[in-house]
Amino acid sequence: MAAFETAVELIRGAGATVVDEASFASLDIDTFGRNSSIVLGADFGAQLPDYLSQLTKNPNKPSRHQI
Protein backbone atom coordinates (compact mmCIF):
# COMPACT_ATOMS: atom_id res chain seq x y z
CA MET A 1 0.00 0.00 0.00
CA ALA A 2 2.91 2.34 0.67
CA ALA A 3 4.09 2.00 -2.94
CA PHE A 4 0.59 2.91 -4.17
CA GLU A 5 0.44 5.99 -1.94
CA THR A 6 3.89 7.04 -3.14
CA ALA A 7 2.76 6.68 -6.75
CA VAL A 8 -0.40 8.73 -6.07
CA GLU A 9 1.68 11.51 -4.52
CA LEU A 10 4.05 11.39 -7.47
CA ILE A 11 1.30 11.88 -10.04
CA ARG A 12 -0.38 14.49 -7.84
CA GLY A 13 2.93 16.36 -7.68
CA ALA A 14 3.14 16.20 -11.47
CA GLY A 15 -0.17 18.05 -11.70
CA ALA A 16 -2.76 15.28 -11.80
CA THR A 17 -6.09 15.68 -10.06
CA VAL A 18 -6.52 12.73 -7.72
CA VAL A 19 -10.05 11.90 -6.61
CA ASP A 20 -9.96 10.34 -3.15
CA GLU A 21 -12.54 7.75 -2.17
CA ALA A 22 -14.04 7.38 -5.64
CA SER A 23 -16.69 4.68 -5.95
CA PHE A 24 -16.79 2.43 -9.00
CA ALA A 25 -19.61 0.18 -7.81
CA SER A 26 -21.64 0.78 -10.97
CA LEU A 27 -18.71 0.24 -13.35
CA ASP A 28 -19.61 -2.19 -16.12
CA ILE A 29 -16.26 -3.93 -16.54
CA ASP A 30 -17.18 -5.53 -19.88
CA THR A 31 -18.07 -2.18 -21.46
CA PHE A 32 -15.02 -0.57 -19.90
CA GLY A 33 -12.78 -3.28 -21.34
CA ARG A 34 -14.19 -2.89 -24.86
CA ASN A 35 -13.95 0.91 -24.78
CA SER A 36 -10.45 1.00 -23.34
CA SER A 37 -9.27 -1.39 -26.05
CA ILE A 38 -10.59 0.98 -28.70
CA VAL A 39 -8.81 3.96 -27.13
CA LEU A 40 -5.55 2.07 -26.56
CA GLY A 41 -5.60 0.76 -30.13
CA ALA A 42 -6.12 4.24 -31.54
CA ASP A 43 -3.40 5.75 -29.35
CA PHE A 44 -0.97 2.99 -30.28
CA GLY A 45 -1.52 3.45 -34.00
CA ALA A 46 -1.34 7.23 -33.81
CA GLN A 47 1.85 7.32 -31.72
CA LEU A 48 3.75 4.41 -33.29
CA PRO A 49 5.38 6.42 -36.12
CA ASP A 50 6.70 8.99 -33.63
CA TYR A 51 8.09 6.25 -31.39
CA LEU A 52 9.77 4.47 -34.29
CA SER A 53 11.29 7.70 -35.57
CA GLN A 54 13.07 8.15 -32.23
CA LEU A 55 14.77 4.74 -32.23
CA THR A 56 18.50 4.92 -32.81
CA LYS A 57 18.70 1.27 -33.88
CA ASN A 58 16.34 -1.56 -34.72
CA PRO A 59 16.75 -4.32 -32.11
CA ASN A 60 15.08 -6.83 -34.47
CA LYS A 61 17.46 -6.24 -37.40
CA PRO A 62 20.80 -8.00 -36.99
CA SER A 63 23.92 -6.00 -37.71
CA ARG A 64 26.61 -7.17 -40.13
CA HIS A 65 28.60 -8.47 -37.14
CA GLN A 66 25.76 -10.77 -36.02
CA ILE A 67 25.19 -12.49 -39.37
PDB file of N, CA and C in Angstrom:
ATOM      1  N   MET A   1       0.819  -1.189   0.000  1.00  0.00           N
ATOM      2  CA  MET A   1       0.000   0.000   0.000  1.00  0.00           C
ATOM      3  C   MET A   1       0.862   1.251   0.000  1.00  0.00           C
ATOM      4  N   ALA A   2       2.014   1.180   0.615  1.00  0.00           N
ATOM      5  CA  ALA A   2       2.906   2.343   0.666  1.00  0.00           C
ATOM      6  C   ALA A   2       3.370   2.724  -0.741  1.00  0.00           C
ATOM      7  N   ALA A   3       3.655   1.723  -1.568  1.00  0.00           N
ATOM      8  CA  ALA A   3       4.093   2.005  -2.941  1.00  0.00           C
ATOM      9  C   ALA A   3       2.981   2.698  -3.725  1.00  0.00           C
ATOM     10  N   PHE A   4       1.736   2.277  -3.497  1.00  0.00           N
ATOM     11  CA  PHE A   4       0.592   2.908  -4.167  1.00  0.00           C
ATOM     12  C   PHE A   4       0.469   4.364  -3.745  1.00  0.00           C
ATOM     13  N   GLU A   5       0.550   4.619  -2.445  1.00  0.00           N
ATOM     14  CA  GLU A   5       0.443   5.991  -1.945  1.00  0.00           C
ATOM     15  C   GLU A   5       1.574   6.873  -2.476  1.00  0.00           C
ATOM     16  N   THR A   6       2.756   6.303  -2.582  1.00  0.00           N
ATOM     17  CA  THR A   6       3.891   7.038  -3.142  1.00  0.00           C
ATOM     18  C   THR A   6       3.622   7.394  -4.602  1.00  0.00           C
ATOM     19  N   ALA A   7       3.077   6.437  -5.347  1.00  0.00           N
ATOM     20  CA  ALA A   7       2.757   6.683  -6.754  1.00  0.00           C
ATOM     21  C   ALA A   7       1.683   7.754  -6.892  1.00  0.00           C
ATOM     22  N   VAL A   8       0.668   7.721  -6.042  1.00  0.00           N
ATOM     23  CA  VAL A   8      -0.395   8.732  -6.070  1.00  0.00           C
ATOM     24  C   VAL A   8       0.192  10.113  -5.799  1.00  0.00           C
ATOM     25  N   GLU A   9       1.059  10.216  -4.823  1.00  0.00           N
ATOM     26  CA  GLU A   9       1.682  11.506  -4.516  1.00  0.00           C
ATOM     27  C   GLU A   9       2.569  11.976  -5.656  1.00  0.00           C
ATOM     28  N   LEU A  10       3.207  11.048  -6.335  1.00  0.00           N
ATOM     29  CA  LEU A  10       4.053  11.386  -7.471  1.00  0.00           C
ATOM     30  C   LEU A  10       3.225  11.986  -8.613  1.00  0.00           C
ATOM     31  N   ILE A  11       2.116  11.342  -8.945  1.00  0.00           N
ATOM     32  CA  ILE A  11       1.297  11.878 -10.038  1.00  0.00           C
ATOM     33  C   ILE A  11       0.577  13.154  -9.612  1.00  0.00           C
ATOM     34  N   ARG A  12       0.220  13.251  -8.346  1.00  0.00           N
ATOM     35  CA  ARG A  12      -0.375  14.490  -7.837  1.00  0.00           C
ATOM     36  C   ARG A  12       0.644  15.632  -7.950  1.00  0.00           C
ATOM     37  N   GLY A  13       1.877  15.362  -7.583  1.00  0.00           N
ATOM     38  CA  GLY A  13       2.934  16.355  -7.684  1.00  0.00           C
ATOM     39  C   GLY A  13       3.223  16.775  -9.118  1.00  0.00           C
ATOM     40  N   ALA A  14       2.926  15.887 -10.058  1.00  0.00           N
ATOM     41  CA  ALA A  14       3.140  16.199 -11.474  1.00  0.00           C
ATOM     42  C   ALA A  14       1.970  16.978 -12.064  1.00  0.00           C
ATOM     43  N   GLY A  15       0.947  17.234 -11.237  1.00  0.00           N
ATOM     44  CA  GLY A  15      -0.165  18.055 -11.698  1.00  0.00           C
ATOM     45  C   GLY A  15      -1.485  17.330 -11.906  1.00  0.00           C
ATOM     46  N   ALA A  16      -1.514  16.034 -11.627  1.00  0.00           N
ATOM     47  CA  ALA A  16      -2.760  15.282 -11.801  1.00  0.00           C
ATOM     48  C   ALA A  16      -3.761  15.621 -10.716  1.00  0.00           C
ATOM     49  N   THR A  17      -5.029  15.550 -11.058  1.00  0.00           N
ATOM     50  CA  THR A  17      -6.089  15.683 -10.060  1.00  0.00           C
ATOM     51  C   THR A  17      -6.436  14.285  -9.578  1.00  0.00           C
ATOM     52  N   VAL A  18      -6.251  14.041  -8.302  1.00  0.00           N
ATOM     53  CA  VAL A  18      -6.518  12.734  -7.717  1.00  0.00           C
ATOM     54  C   VAL A  18      -7.823  12.813  -6.942  1.00  0.00           C
ATOM     55  N   VAL A  19      -8.747  11.928  -7.278  1.00  0.00           N
ATOM     56  CA  VAL A  19     -10.046  11.897  -6.608  1.00  0.00           C
ATOM     57  C   VAL A  19      -9.984  10.834  -5.519  1.00  0.00           C
ATOM     58  N   ASP A  20      -9.998  11.273  -4.280  1.00  0.00           N
ATOM     59  CA  ASP A  20      -9.961  10.337  -3.151  1.00  0.00           C
ATOM     60  C   ASP A  20     -11.334   9.722  -2.931  1.00  0.00           C
ATOM     61  N   GLU A  21     -11.327   8.475  -2.521  1.00  0.00           N
ATOM     62  CA  GLU A  21     -12.537   7.748  -2.167  1.00  0.00           C
ATOM     63  C   GLU A  21     -13.571   7.721  -3.287  1.00  0.00           C
ATOM     64  N   ALA A  22     -13.123   7.524  -4.512  1.00  0.00           N
ATOM     65  CA  ALA A  22     -14.040   7.379  -5.643  1.00  0.00           C
ATOM     66  C   ALA A  22     -14.713   6.005  -5.564  1.00  0.00           C
ATOM     67  N   SER A  23     -15.955   5.933  -5.976  1.00  0.00           N
ATOM     68  CA  SER A  23     -16.694   4.675  -5.953  1.00  0.00           C
ATOM     69  C   SER A  23     -16.962   4.221  -7.382  1.00  0.00           C
ATOM     70  N   PHE A  24     -16.584   3.005  -7.672  1.00  0.00           N
ATOM     71  CA  PHE A  24     -16.794   2.432  -8.998  1.00  0.00           C
ATOM     72  C   PHE A  24     -17.762   1.248  -8.938  1.00  0.00           C
ATOM     73  N   ALA A  25     -18.677   1.289  -8.000  1.00  0.00           N
ATOM     74  CA  ALA A  25     -19.612   0.183  -7.805  1.00  0.00           C
ATOM     75  C   ALA A  25     -20.470  -0.076  -9.039  1.00  0.00           C
ATOM     76  N   SER A  26     -20.775   0.970  -9.806  1.00  0.00           N
ATOM     77  CA  SER A  26     -21.638   0.781 -10.968  1.00  0.00           C
ATOM     78  C   SER A  26     -20.856   0.593 -12.265  1.00  0.00           C
ATOM     79  N   LEU A  27     -19.549   0.417 -12.172  1.00  0.00           N
ATOM     80  CA  LEU A  27     -18.713   0.240 -13.348  1.00  0.00           C
ATOM     81  C   LEU A  27     -19.043  -1.070 -14.041  1.00  0.00           C
ATOM     82  N   ASP A  28     -19.367  -0.994 -15.306  1.00  0.00           N
ATOM     83  CA  ASP A  28     -19.606  -2.193 -16.118  1.00  0.00           C
ATOM     84  C   ASP A  28     -18.265  -2.586 -16.736  1.00  0.00           C
ATOM     85  N   ILE A  29     -17.617  -3.577 -16.153  1.00  0.00           N
ATOM     86  CA  ILE A  29     -16.258  -3.929 -16.538  1.00  0.00           C
ATOM     87  C   ILE A  29     -16.168  -4.412 -17.983  1.00  0.00           C
ATOM     88  N   ASP A  30     -17.213  -5.063 -18.489  1.00  0.00           N
ATOM     89  CA  ASP A  30     -17.178  -5.526 -19.879  1.00  0.00           C
ATOM     90  C   ASP A  30     -17.177  -4.354 -20.854  1.00  0.00           C
ATOM     91  N   THR A  31     -18.033  -3.368 -20.612  1.00  0.00           N
ATOM     92  CA  THR A  31     -18.073  -2.181 -21.463  1.00  0.00           C
ATOM     93  C   THR A  31     -16.779  -1.396 -21.334  1.00  0.00           C
ATOM     94  N   PHE A  32     -16.276  -1.270 -20.126  1.00  0.00           N
ATOM     95  CA  PHE A  32     -15.024  -0.566 -19.900  1.00  0.00           C
ATOM     96  C   PHE A  32     -13.897  -1.228 -20.677  1.00  0.00           C
ATOM     97  N   GLY A  33     -13.831  -2.549 -20.631  1.00  0.00           N
ATOM     98  CA  GLY A  33     -12.783  -3.283 -21.340  1.00  0.00           C
ATOM     99  C   GLY A  33     -12.847  -3.071 -22.838  1.00  0.00           C
ATOM    100  N   ARG A  34     -14.043  -3.111 -23.417  1.00  0.00           N
ATOM    101  CA  ARG A  34     -14.195  -2.886 -24.859  1.00  0.00           C
ATOM    102  C   ARG A  34     -13.787  -1.468 -25.224  1.00  0.00           C
ATOM    103  N   ASN A  35     -14.258  -0.485 -24.466  1.00  0.00           N
ATOM    104  CA  ASN A  35     -13.955   0.911 -24.779  1.00  0.00           C
ATOM    105  C   ASN A  35     -12.487   1.238 -24.595  1.00  0.00           C
ATOM    106  N   SER A  36     -11.867   0.706 -23.549  1.00  0.00           N
ATOM    107  CA  SER A  36     -10.452   1.004 -23.336  1.00  0.00           C
ATOM    108  C   SER A  36      -9.599   0.384 -24.432  1.00  0.00           C
ATOM    109  N   SER A  37     -10.009  -0.771 -24.947  1.00  0.00           N
ATOM    110  CA  SER A  37      -9.269  -1.389 -26.051  1.00  0.00           C
ATOM    111  C   SER A  37      -9.321  -0.521 -27.300  1.00  0.00           C
ATOM    112  N   ILE A  38     -10.457   0.090 -27.543  1.00  0.00           N
ATOM    113  CA  ILE A  38     -10.588   0.984 -28.696  1.00  0.00           C
ATOM    114  C   ILE A  38      -9.649   2.176 -28.547  1.00  0.00           C
ATOM    115  N   VAL A  39      -9.660   2.782 -27.380  1.00  0.00           N
ATOM    116  CA  VAL A  39      -8.812   3.956 -27.132  1.00  0.00           C
ATOM    117  C   VAL A  39      -7.338   3.579 -27.201  1.00  0.00           C
ATOM    118  N   LEU A  40      -6.950   2.482 -26.547  1.00  0.00           N
ATOM    119  CA  LEU A  40      -5.553   2.071 -26.560  1.00  0.00           C
ATOM    120  C   LEU A  40      -5.089   1.739 -27.972  1.00  0.00           C
ATOM    121  N   GLY A  41      -5.942   1.087 -28.746  1.00  0.00           N
ATOM    122  CA  GLY A  41      -5.597   0.765 -30.127  1.00  0.00           C
ATOM    123  C   GLY A  41      -5.392   2.005 -30.967  1.00  0.00           C
ATOM    124  N   ALA A  42      -6.250   2.990 -30.794  1.00  0.00           N
ATOM    125  CA  ALA A  42      -6.124   4.239 -31.542  1.00  0.00           C
ATOM    126  C   ALA A  42      -4.870   4.995 -31.128  1.00  0.00           C
ATOM    127  N   ASP A  43      -4.603   5.074 -29.836  1.00  0.00           N
ATOM    128  CA  ASP A  43      -3.397   5.754 -29.353  1.00  0.00           C
ATOM    129  C   ASP A  43      -2.141   5.060 -29.855  1.00  0.00           C
ATOM    130  N   PHE A  44      -2.139   3.747 -29.826  1.00  0.00           N
ATOM    131  CA  PHE A  44      -0.974   2.994 -30.276  1.00  0.00           C
ATOM    132  C   PHE A  44      -0.679   3.295 -31.741  1.00  0.00           C
ATOM    133  N   GLY A  45      -1.699   3.206 -32.568  1.00  0.00           N
ATOM    134  CA  GLY A  45      -1.519   3.446 -33.999  1.00  0.00           C
ATOM    135  C   GLY A  45      -1.091   4.873 -34.301  1.00  0.00           C
ATOM    136  N   ALA A  46      -1.643   5.816 -33.569  1.00  0.00           N
ATOM    137  CA  ALA A  46      -1.336   7.225 -33.809  1.00  0.00           C
ATOM    138  C   ALA A  46       0.077   7.586 -33.346  1.00  0.00           C
ATOM    139  N   GLN A  47       0.554   6.949 -32.291  1.00  0.00           N
ATOM    140  CA  GLN A  47       1.847   7.315 -31.716  1.00  0.00           C
ATOM    141  C   GLN A  47       2.998   6.429 -32.181  1.00  0.00           C
ATOM    142  N   LEU A  48       2.702   5.333 -32.863  1.00  0.00           N
ATOM    143  CA  LEU A  48       3.753   4.412 -33.289  1.00  0.00           C
ATOM    144  C   LEU A  48       4.776   5.064 -34.220  1.00  0.00           C
ATOM    145  N   PRO A  49       4.373   5.809 -35.242  1.00  0.00           N
ATOM    146  CA  PRO A  49       5.385   6.422 -36.121  1.00  0.00           C
ATOM    147  C   PRO A  49       6.345   7.347 -35.369  1.00  0.00           C
ATOM    148  N   ASP A  50       5.841   8.108 -34.411  1.00  0.00           N
ATOM    149  CA  ASP A  50       6.702   8.993 -33.629  1.00  0.00           C
ATOM    150  C   ASP A  50       7.692   8.184 -32.801  1.00  0.00           C
ATOM    151  N   TYR A  51       7.216   7.118 -32.179  1.00  0.00           N
ATOM    152  CA  TYR A  51       8.094   6.252 -31.389  1.00  0.00           C
ATOM    153  C   TYR A  51       9.186   5.650 -32.266  1.00  0.00           C
ATOM    154  N   LEU A  52       8.795   5.105 -33.407  1.00  0.00           N
ATOM    155  CA  LEU A  52       9.769   4.465 -34.288  1.00  0.00           C
ATOM    156  C   LEU A  52      10.793   5.462 -34.820  1.00  0.00           C
ATOM    157  N   SER A  53      10.367   6.693 -35.050  1.00  0.00           N
ATOM    158  CA  SER A  53      11.291   7.701 -35.573  1.00  0.00           C
ATOM    159  C   SER A  53      12.359   8.079 -34.547  1.00  0.00           C
ATOM    160  N   GLN A  54      12.112   7.804 -33.279  1.00  0.00           N
ATOM    161  CA  GLN A  54      13.068   8.153 -32.230  1.00  0.00           C
ATOM    162  C   GLN A  54      14.063   7.027 -31.915  1.00  0.00           C
ATOM    163  N   LEU A  55      13.845   5.851 -32.480  1.00  0.00           N
ATOM    164  CA  LEU A  55      14.770   4.741 -32.234  1.00  0.00           C
ATOM    165  C   LEU A  55      16.108   5.014 -32.910  1.00  0.00           C
ATOM    166  N   THR A  56      17.172   4.729 -32.220  1.00  0.00           N
ATOM    167  CA  THR A  56      18.495   4.916 -32.809  1.00  0.00           C
ATOM    168  C   THR A  56      18.981   3.655 -33.500  1.00  0.00           C
ATOM    169  N   LYS A  57      18.385   2.513 -33.172  1.00  0.00           N
ATOM    170  CA  LYS A  57      18.701   1.269 -33.879  1.00  0.00           C
ATOM    171  C   LYS A  57      17.502   0.338 -33.784  1.00  0.00           C
ATOM    172  N   ASN A  58      17.422  -0.590 -34.698  1.00  0.00           N
ATOM    173  CA  ASN A  58      16.338  -1.563 -34.723  1.00  0.00           C
ATOM    174  C   ASN A  58      16.825  -2.830 -34.026  1.00  0.00           C
ATOM    175  N   PRO A  59      16.282  -3.146 -32.851  1.00  0.00           N
ATOM    176  CA  PRO A  59      16.753  -4.320 -32.115  1.00  0.00           C
ATOM    177  C   PRO A  59      16.389  -5.636 -32.794  1.00  0.00           C
ATOM    178  N   ASN A  60      15.492  -5.609 -33.774  1.00  0.00           N
ATOM    179  CA  ASN A  60      15.083  -6.825 -34.468  1.00  0.00           C
ATOM    180  C   ASN A  60      15.852  -7.059 -35.764  1.00  0.00           C
ATOM    181  N   LYS A  61      16.689  -6.113 -36.168  1.00  0.00           N
ATOM    182  CA  LYS A  61      17.458  -6.240 -37.402  1.00  0.00           C
ATOM    183  C   LYS A  61      18.911  -6.519 -37.028  1.00  0.00           C
ATOM    184  N   PRO A  62      19.420  -7.690 -37.366  1.00  0.00           N
ATOM    185  CA  PRO A  62      20.798  -8.004 -36.990  1.00  0.00           C
ATOM    186  C   PRO A  62      21.799  -7.117 -37.738  1.00  0.00           C
ATOM    187  N   SER A  63      22.863  -6.791 -37.064  1.00  0.00           N
ATOM    188  CA  SER A  63      23.921  -6.001 -37.706  1.00  0.00           C
ATOM    189  C   SER A  63      24.791  -6.941 -38.529  1.00  0.00           C
ATOM    190  N   ARG A  64      25.709  -6.355 -39.317  1.00  0.00           N
ATOM    191  CA  ARG A  64      26.615  -7.173 -40.133  1.00  0.00           C
ATOM    192  C   ARG A  64      27.445  -8.102 -39.253  1.00  0.00           C
ATOM    193  N   HIS A  65      27.742  -7.688 -38.030  1.00  0.00           N
ATOM    194  CA  HIS A  65      28.598  -8.473 -37.144  1.00  0.00           C
ATOM    195  C   HIS A  65      27.868  -9.680 -36.551  1.00  0.00           C
ATOM    196  N   GLN A  66      26.534  -9.676 -36.601  1.00  0.00           N
ATOM    197  CA  GLN A  66      25.763 -10.772 -36.021  1.00  0.00           C
ATOM    198  C   GLN A  66      25.403 -11.830 -37.048  1.00  0.00           C
ATOM    199  N   ILE A  67      25.600 -11.549 -38.305  1.00  0.00           N
ATOM    200  CA  ILE A  67      25.192 -12.494 -39.369  1.00  0.00           C
ATOM    201  C   ILE A  67      26.285 -13.498 -39.610  1.00  0.00           C
TER     202      ILE A  67
END
